[in-house]
Amino acid sequence: METNKFFKLANQRIDFLDEKSPEELDINYESPTNDSDYALIIKTASGDVLKKFPVNNSTNLVFSHVSYEKNKHKLNEEMRKIAESNLAKRLDLYGFKHNYKIEETYGNQYTLTKEEEILKEAEEEPTEFAYGDKLPIDNINNLQKSASEFLRQARTLPVRDRKNIAFALVKKASEMGVELPTAILEYSSFTPKTLQGMKIAMATRTRSYPEKVRKLTDALLQTAKTAEDCIKVAEMVETIDKELGIKTERHEDPSKGFFSIEKRADQIFNEKLNKALENNLLDDYFTPDVIEDLKDFGQNAYNNLDRHSRNLIDKVLNKIKTEKKAEQVNQVFDEKSNNVNDTLENDLPDAYLSPETIKTSKRINKNLHNKSNSRTRVLLDKLKKDTK
């Protein structure tokens, strides 16, 4: 399929060396020493020489064969005839199978006319999709277009597909360093909201439900504990909407509204517990069996422990937080200490402190602050503020 965008053939990706430099290839690349070791050499009207598809050894031949099949649509018929004939000869030499015909050609060179040098771009077919063979995500432009198209059509898709498509979009965006709309992040989440959060998402909808249906949906929400539960309830809600003729566009999408992009308390607890386990902070207190259960089952294993054991874990986790906070405090103080040193260098405190104190403070700034009497500490702190 062709587009109206024109470009020079010299700027195209034609063989594997156009896609990666020899240094980036995960092979021991050996550059050809003779022009005859290329399947195709294109001479442009502007004087450039493009050497394509190196075949000087079996490794380069295999790469050239693959890249030729991928990019041959960018070449004209005569170029393809030359390239295929020379590839066929080398493939036969190394005993590789192929479907090329060996044509009578005059070497491996083709000279472009000035008119031929500007060609229509053959649009590359997308290779990666978020939904079957739809919503391409193989490059940033396609990803952003697919994200917009997904939001436009999300409510027409099955609930489960909405979640999986959004997850694929977010995953690819993360790899590419691209930001997507918050709505897609919400669709991609598999973290259930609290019961209250789900009820809020259903609030406008349930006002339109008959009392029996409202009680049914309330009961369903109370059973939704996992992501799979929430997806099934969302599917049920949409079935009810359809039966009752509810205009869904006026209400929150349950496949998005039942899920949160915020971390829940249990997630935060498990993250802290995992950190303690990774650093072996609980090994001195519990048997290997208990440690393994905590690693495998997280908060569920913690809940099954006796009160004394739970309190012990809480103290360890709180200590992690306290130590982190202490590090931050020390960092802030060290920064302020630099301010004090600057102050001392500028001889500003002479009116407040004795020469002996100033001399000592330059040598042991932090210890001085800790050991000085309250009046001296107040003066030092005042100086730090004055010199900011």
Protein backbone atom coordinates (compact mmCIF):
# COMPACT_ATOMS: atom_id res chain seq x y z
CA MET A 1 0.00 0.00 0.00
CA GLU A 2 1.42 3.39 -0.95
CA THR A 3 1.13 6.77 0.67
CA ASN A 4 1.71 10.23 -0.77
CA LYS A 5 4.87 10.75 1.24
CA PHE A 6 8.00 10.86 -0.93
CA PHE A 7 11.54 10.27 0.16
CA LYS A 8 14.97 9.31 -1.15
CA LEU A 9 15.83 5.64 -1.41
CA ALA A 10 19.10 6.42 0.39
CA ASN A 11 17.12 7.15 3.55
CA GLN A 12 15.25 3.84 3.55
CA ARG A 13 15.72 0.77 5.67
CA ILE A 14 16.52 -1.87 3.10
CA ASP A 15 18.85 -4.37 4.75
CA PHE A 16 19.71 -5.33 8.34
CA LEU A 17 22.58 -2.84 8.49
CA ASP A 18 20.10 0.00 7.98
CA GLU A 19 18.28 -1.07 11.13
CA LYS A 20 21.29 -1.62 13.39
CA SER A 21 24.93 -0.68 13.30
CA PRO A 22 27.48 -3.52 13.29
CA GLU A 23 28.26 -2.68 16.95
CA GLU A 24 24.60 -3.17 17.94
CA LEU A 25 24.24 -6.55 16.22
CA ASP A 26 24.44 -9.59 18.43
CA ILE A 27 26.79 -11.27 15.95
CA ASN A 28 30.47 -11.21 15.11
CA TYR A 29 29.95 -9.00 12.08
CA GLU A 30 32.54 -9.26 9.32
CA SER A 31 32.38 -6.47 6.77
CA PRO A 32 32.76 -7.46 3.07
CA THR A 33 36.06 -6.48 1.47
CA ASN A 34 34.86 -6.77 -2.14
CA ASP A 35 31.88 -5.22 -3.92
CA SER A 36 31.08 -8.67 -5.27
CA ASP A 37 30.14 -9.71 -1.73
CA TYR A 38 26.94 -7.66 -1.85
CA ALA A 39 23.75 -8.99 -3.47
CA LEU A 40 22.81 -5.50 -4.66
CA ILE A 41 24.68 -2.22 -5.17
CA ILE A 42 22.55 0.81 -6.00
CA LYS A 43 24.15 3.85 -7.56
CA THR A 44 22.12 7.02 -7.20
CA ALA A 45 21.87 9.91 -9.62
CA SER A 46 23.33 12.17 -6.94
CA GLY A 47 26.50 10.10 -6.79
CA ASP A 48 25.84 7.99 -3.70
CA VAL A 49 26.59 4.29 -3.70
CA LEU A 50 24.33 2.07 -1.59
CA LYS A 51 25.74 -1.39 -0.89
CA LYS A 52 23.00 -3.74 0.26
CA PHE A 53 22.66 -7.33 1.49
CA PRO A 54 26.20 -8.47 2.37
CA VAL A 55 26.73 -12.17 1.55
CA ASN A 56 30.43 -12.64 2.32
CA ASN A 57 29.76 -15.30 4.98
CA SER A 58 26.92 -17.55 6.11
CA THR A 59 25.88 -15.29 9.03
CA ASN A 60 25.60 -12.17 6.88
CA LEU A 61 23.82 -14.20 4.22
CA VAL A 62 21.11 -15.34 6.64
CA PHE A 63 20.58 -11.80 7.94
CA SER A 64 20.50 -10.45 4.39
CA HIS A 65 18.00 -13.10 3.30
CA VAL A 66 15.64 -12.19 6.17
CA SER A 67 15.95 -8.43 5.68
CA TYR A 68 15.47 -8.76 1.92
CA GLU A 69 12.19 -10.62 2.41
CA LYS A 70 11.07 -7.91 4.83
CA ASN A 71 12.00 -4.96 2.61
CA LYS A 72 11.89 -6.17 -1.00
CA HIS A 73 8.61 -4.30 -1.59
CA LYS A 74 10.66 -1.08 -1.48
CA LEU A 75 12.69 -2.08 -4.53
CA ASN A 76 11.64 -2.04 -8.18
CA GLU A 77 11.38 -5.21 -10.24
CA GLU A 78 14.86 -4.97 -11.77
CA MET A 79 16.48 -4.42 -8.37
CA ARG A 80 14.66 -7.45 -6.99
CA LYS A 81 15.79 -9.55 -9.93
CA ILE A 82 19.45 -8.63 -9.33
CA ALA A 83 19.25 -9.11 -5.54
CA GLU A 84 17.40 -12.44 -5.71
CA SER A 85 19.75 -13.85 -8.32
CA ASN A 86 22.83 -13.06 -6.24
CA LEU A 87 21.20 -14.21 -2.99
CA ALA A 88 20.22 -17.49 -4.70
CA LYS A 89 23.80 -18.19 -5.78
CA ARG A 90 25.17 -17.73 -2.25
CA LEU A 91 22.29 -19.63 -0.62
CA ASP A 92 23.01 -22.55 -2.96
CA LEU A 93 26.69 -22.32 -2.09
CA TYR A 94 25.99 -22.67 1.63
CA GLY A 95 23.25 -25.28 1.15
CA PHE A 96 20.32 -23.12 2.29
CA LYS A 97 16.83 -23.62 0.81
CA HIS A 98 15.15 -20.75 -1.05
CA ASN A 99 12.51 -19.96 -3.67
CA TYR A 100 14.54 -17.55 -5.78
CA LYS A 101 15.36 -17.97 -9.45
CA ILE A 102 18.86 -17.38 -10.78
CA GLU A 103 18.48 -14.88 -13.59
CA GLU A 104 21.10 -13.87 -16.13
CA THR A 105 22.15 -10.52 -14.72
CA TYR A 106 25.09 -8.25 -15.25
CA GLY A 107 26.68 -8.42 -11.83
CA ASN A 108 25.09 -6.85 -8.79
CA GLN A 109 24.73 -3.16 -9.69
CA TYR A 110 21.74 -1.01 -10.54
CA THR A 111 21.94 2.70 -11.41
CA LEU A 112 18.96 4.89 -10.55
CA THR A 113 17.76 7.58 -12.89
CA LYS A 114 17.05 10.95 -11.31
CA GLU A 115 13.32 10.24 -11.54
CA GLU A 116 13.72 6.86 -9.88
CA GLU A 117 15.69 8.23 -6.97
CA ILE A 118 12.50 9.80 -5.55
CA LEU A 119 10.12 6.94 -4.84
CA LYS A 120 6.78 6.54 -3.19
CA GLU A 121 7.06 5.10 0.27
CA ALA A 122 5.72 1.61 0.66
CA GLU A 123 4.00 1.78 4.00
CA GLU A 124 5.36 -0.81 6.39
CA GLU A 125 2.73 -3.11 7.80
CA PRO A 126 2.39 -2.88 11.61
CA THR A 127 3.90 -5.84 13.45
CA GLU A 128 2.47 -5.44 16.96
CA PHE A 129 -1.11 -4.86 18.05
CA ALA A 130 -3.06 -4.32 21.27
CA TYR A 131 -6.16 -6.16 20.03
CA GLY A 132 -5.86 -9.01 17.55
CA ASP A 133 -4.80 -7.38 14.28
CA LYS A 134 -6.23 -4.00 15.33
CA LEU A 135 -4.86 -1.04 17.31
CA PRO A 136 -1.20 -1.13 16.19
CA ILE A 137 1.36 -0.23 18.86
CA ASP A 138 4.64 -0.84 16.99
CA ASN A 139 5.70 2.82 17.12
CA ILE A 140 4.84 5.96 19.11
CA ASN A 141 2.61 7.43 16.42
CA ASN A 142 0.55 4.24 16.09
CA LEU A 143 0.41 3.83 19.88
CA GLN A 144 -1.03 7.31 20.40
CA LYS A 145 -3.55 6.85 17.58
CA SER A 146 -4.60 3.47 18.98
CA ALA A 147 -4.98 4.94 22.47
CA SER A 148 -7.34 7.61 21.13
CA GLU A 149 -9.28 5.05 19.10
CA PHE A 150 -9.57 2.76 22.12
CA LEU A 151 -11.10 5.53 24.25
CA ARG A 152 -13.51 6.35 21.45
CA GLN A 153 -14.78 2.78 21.16
CA ALA A 154 -14.13 1.33 24.63
CA ARG A 155 -17.80 1.10 25.66
CA THR A 156 -18.59 -1.00 22.57
CA LEU A 157 -16.04 -3.65 23.53
CA PRO A 158 -16.50 -6.56 25.96
CA VAL A 159 -15.46 -5.72 29.53
CA ARG A 160 -12.57 -8.20 29.61
CA ASP A 161 -11.23 -6.93 26.28
CA ARG A 162 -11.26 -3.34 27.58
CA LYS A 163 -9.03 -4.36 30.48
CA ASN A 164 -6.60 -6.38 28.37
CA ILE A 165 -6.33 -3.78 25.58
CA ALA A 166 -5.69 -0.95 28.04
CA PHE A 167 -3.10 -3.08 29.83
CA ALA A 168 -1.29 -3.73 26.52
CA LEU A 169 -1.37 -0.01 25.68
CA VAL A 170 0.00 1.02 29.08
CA LYS A 171 2.70 -1.67 29.01
CA LYS A 172 3.89 -0.52 25.57
CA ALA A 173 3.71 3.14 26.59
CA SER A 174 5.90 2.37 29.60
CA GLU A 175 8.48 0.71 27.35
CA MET A 176 8.48 3.72 24.99
CA GLY A 177 8.41 6.36 27.75
CA VAL A 178 5.07 7.73 26.54
CA GLU A 179 2.33 9.12 28.80
CA LEU A 180 -1.26 8.02 28.16
CA PRO A 181 -4.54 9.57 29.38
CA THR A 182 -5.54 8.75 32.97
CA ALA A 183 -8.68 7.01 31.69
CA ILE A 184 -6.53 4.36 30.00
CA LEU A 185 -4.55 3.85 33.20
CA GLU A 186 -7.85 3.27 35.03
CA TYR A 187 -9.01 0.80 32.39
CA SER A 188 -5.68 -1.03 32.64
CA SER A 189 -5.82 -1.43 36.43
CA PHE A 190 -6.52 -4.82 37.97
CA THR A 191 -6.60 -3.46 41.54
CA PRO A 192 -10.18 -3.65 42.89
CA LYS A 193 -11.58 -0.65 44.72
CA THR A 194 -13.09 -0.97 48.17
CA LEU A 195 -16.78 -1.88 48.42
CA GLN A 196 -17.57 1.77 49.08
CA GLY A 197 -15.59 2.81 46.00
CA MET A 198 -17.51 0.39 43.81
CA LYS A 199 -20.84 1.56 45.25
CA ILE A 200 -19.90 5.14 44.36
CA ALA A 201 -19.15 4.03 40.80
CA MET A 202 -22.63 2.48 40.68
CA ALA A 203 -24.46 5.37 42.38
CA THR A 204 -26.07 7.09 39.37
CA ARG A 205 -26.89 3.76 37.76
CA THR A 206 -28.59 2.11 40.75
CA ARG A 207 -30.99 5.04 41.09
CA SER A 208 -32.49 3.87 37.79
CA TYR A 209 -32.72 0.23 38.87
CA PRO A 210 -35.86 -1.41 40.30
CA GLU A 211 -35.50 -2.27 43.98
CA LYS A 212 -34.96 -6.02 43.38
CA VAL A 213 -32.22 -5.33 40.85
CA ARG A 214 -30.60 -2.81 43.16
CA LYS A 215 -30.48 -5.39 45.97
CA LEU A 216 -29.01 -7.94 43.56
CA THR A 217 -26.21 -5.61 42.45
CA ASP A 218 -25.48 -4.66 46.07
CA ALA A 219 -25.11 -8.35 46.90
CA LEU A 220 -22.83 -8.90 43.89
CA LEU A 221 -20.61 -5.98 44.89
CA GLN A 222 -20.16 -7.44 48.37
CA THR A 223 -18.80 -10.68 46.85
CA ALA A 224 -16.27 -8.88 44.62
CA LYS A 225 -12.89 -9.33 46.26
CA THR A 226 -10.52 -10.08 43.39
CA ALA A 227 -9.96 -8.54 39.96
CA GLU A 228 -11.69 -11.51 38.35
CA ASP A 229 -14.70 -11.03 40.66
CA CYS A 230 -14.92 -7.36 39.69
CA ILE A 231 -14.75 -8.15 35.98
CA LYS A 232 -17.60 -10.67 36.32
CA VAL A 233 -19.73 -8.17 38.27
CA ALA A 234 -19.00 -5.49 35.65
CA GLU A 235 -20.14 -7.90 32.93
CA MET A 236 -23.31 -8.63 34.90
CA VAL A 237 -23.98 -4.91 35.37
CA GLU A 238 -23.71 -4.28 31.65
CA THR A 239 -26.09 -7.20 30.96
CA ILE A 240 -28.59 -5.67 33.39
CA ASP A 241 -28.17 -2.26 31.72
CA LYS A 242 -28.93 -3.78 28.35
CA GLU A 243 -32.02 -5.60 29.61
CA LEU A 244 -33.36 -2.46 31.31
CA GLY A 245 -32.50 -0.16 28.41
CA ILE A 246 -30.14 1.93 30.54
CA LYS A 247 -28.13 4.49 28.57
CA THR A 248 -24.67 3.43 29.67
CA GLU A 249 -22.92 6.55 28.34
CA ARG A 250 -24.57 8.52 31.15
CA HIS A 251 -22.97 6.37 33.83
CA GLU A 252 -19.52 5.30 35.01
CA ASP A 253 -17.98 2.43 33.05
CA PRO A 254 -17.75 -0.40 35.64
CA SER A 255 -14.71 -1.92 33.93
CA LYS A 256 -12.95 1.32 34.87
CA GLY A 257 -14.93 2.47 37.92
CA PHE A 258 -14.48 -0.76 39.88
CA PHE A 259 -10.70 -0.48 39.75
CA SER A 260 -8.22 1.89 41.31
CA ILE A 261 -4.84 3.22 40.21
CA GLU A 262 -4.08 4.06 43.85
CA LYS A 263 -2.30 1.55 46.08
CA ARG A 264 -4.48 -0.05 48.73
CA ALA A 265 -3.40 -0.48 52.35
CA ASP A 266 -2.81 -4.22 51.86
CA GLN A 267 -0.59 -3.53 48.84
CA ILE A 268 1.48 -1.03 50.81
CA PHE A 269 1.77 -3.53 53.70
CA ASN A 270 2.90 -6.32 51.35
CA GLU A 271 5.49 -4.05 49.75
CA LYS A 272 6.96 -3.20 53.17
CA LEU A 273 6.84 -6.86 54.21
CA ASN A 274 8.61 -7.92 51.02
CA LYS A 275 11.30 -5.34 51.66
CA ALA A 276 11.83 -6.70 55.18
CA LEU A 277 12.01 -10.25 53.84
CA GLU A 278 14.42 -9.30 51.04
CA ASN A 279 16.76 -7.75 53.60
CA ASN A 280 16.44 -10.76 55.96
CA LEU A 281 15.16 -8.54 58.78
CA LEU A 282 12.79 -11.22 60.09
CA ASP A 283 15.13 -14.21 59.91
CA ASP A 284 16.26 -13.88 63.55
CA TYR A 285 12.68 -13.95 64.83
CA PHE A 286 10.91 -16.67 62.85
CA THR A 287 11.54 -20.21 61.63
CA PRO A 288 12.29 -20.81 57.91
CA ASP A 289 8.77 -22.25 57.45
CA VAL A 290 7.14 -19.04 58.68
CA ILE A 291 9.47 -16.94 56.51
CA GLU A 292 8.51 -19.00 53.45
CA ASP A 293 4.79 -18.58 54.23
CA LEU A 294 5.24 -14.82 54.54
CA LYS A 295 7.05 -14.75 51.19
CA ASP A 296 4.38 -16.86 49.49
CA PHE A 297 1.20 -15.51 51.07
CA GLY A 298 2.11 -12.02 52.38
CA GLN A 299 -0.56 -10.42 54.55
CA ASN A 300 -2.69 -13.58 54.57
CA ALA A 301 0.16 -15.44 56.31
CA TYR A 302 0.67 -12.48 58.66
CA ASN A 303 -3.03 -12.53 59.63
CA ASN A 304 -2.75 -16.21 60.62
CA LEU A 305 0.09 -15.56 63.08
CA ASP A 306 -0.45 -15.06 66.82
CA ARG A 307 -0.75 -11.54 68.22
CA HIS A 308 2.80 -11.50 69.61
CA SER A 309 4.27 -12.43 66.19
CA ARG A 310 2.17 -9.83 64.39
CA ASN A 311 3.29 -7.12 66.84
CA LEU A 312 6.90 -8.12 66.29
CA ILE A 313 6.53 -7.80 62.50
CA ASP A 314 4.81 -4.43 62.93
CA LYS A 315 7.76 -3.17 64.96
CA VAL A 316 10.24 -4.31 62.30
CA LEU A 317 8.23 -2.66 59.52
CA ASN A 318 7.86 0.55 61.51
CA LYS A 319 11.60 0.54 62.15
CA ILE A 320 12.22 0.46 58.40
CA LYS A 321 10.07 3.56 58.05
CA THR A 322 11.71 5.28 61.03
CA GLU A 323 15.23 4.56 59.78
CA LYS A 324 14.32 5.94 56.37
CA LYS A 325 12.94 9.08 57.99
CA ALA A 326 16.10 9.40 60.10
CA GLU A 327 18.22 9.21 56.96
CA GLN A 328 16.15 12.02 55.45
CA VAL A 329 16.56 14.13 58.61
CA ASN A 330 20.32 13.61 58.58
CA GLN A 331 20.44 14.55 54.92
CA VAL A 332 18.54 17.77 55.61
CA PHE A 333 20.81 18.55 58.56
CA ASP A 334 23.95 17.90 56.47
CA GLU A 335 22.64 20.38 53.91
CA LYS A 336 22.05 22.93 56.66
CA SER A 337 25.52 22.21 58.03
CA ASN A 338 26.93 23.44 54.76
CA ASN A 339 25.05 26.68 55.37
CA VAL A 340 26.67 26.95 58.81
CA ASN A 341 30.13 26.38 57.34
CA ASP A 342 29.45 29.08 54.75
CA THR A 343 28.40 31.37 57.58
CA LEU A 344 31.56 30.65 59.55
CA GLU A 345 33.74 31.19 56.49
CA ASN A 346 32.13 34.62 56.07
CA ASP A 347 32.94 35.49 59.71
CA LEU A 348 29.33 36.43 60.40
CA PRO A 349 28.95 34.93 63.90
CA ASP A 350 31.80 36.84 65.55
CA ALA A 351 29.30 38.98 67.42
CA TYR A 352 27.54 35.93 68.82
CA LEU A 353 30.17 33.25 69.55
CA SER A 354 33.67 33.18 70.95
CA PRO A 355 36.67 32.62 68.63
CA GLU A 356 37.27 29.24 70.29
CA THR A 357 33.71 28.10 69.56
CA ILE A 358 33.96 29.25 65.93
CA LYS A 359 37.24 27.39 65.46
CA THR A 360 35.79 24.20 66.95
CA SER A 361 32.61 24.45 64.90
CA LYS A 362 34.55 24.58 61.66
CA ARG A 363 36.23 21.32 62.63
CA ILE A 364 33.25 19.40 64.03
CA ASN A 365 30.19 21.23 62.83
CA LYS A 366 27.57 18.59 63.51
CA ASN A 367 28.97 17.46 66.85
CA LEU A 368 29.17 21.08 67.96
CA HIS A 369 25.53 21.61 67.20
CA ASN A 370 24.53 18.52 69.16
CA LYS A 371 26.73 19.28 72.18
CA SER A 372 26.34 23.06 72.41
CA ASN A 373 24.12 24.47 75.09
CA SER A 374 20.60 25.51 74.13
CA ARG A 375 21.48 29.21 73.73
CA THR A 376 24.34 28.41 71.33
CA ARG A 377 22.18 26.03 69.27
CA VAL A 378 19.51 28.71 68.94
CA LEU A 379 22.11 31.18 67.70
CA LEU A 380 23.50 28.67 65.15
CA ASP A 381 20.03 27.88 63.89
CA LYS A 382 19.29 31.60 63.58
CA LEU A 383 22.48 32.05 61.56
CA LYS A 384 21.51 29.24 59.22
CA LYS A 385 18.23 30.99 58.48
CA ASP A 386 19.93 34.38 58.05
CA THR A 387 22.38 33.02 55.50
CA LYS A 388 19.90 31.17 53.31
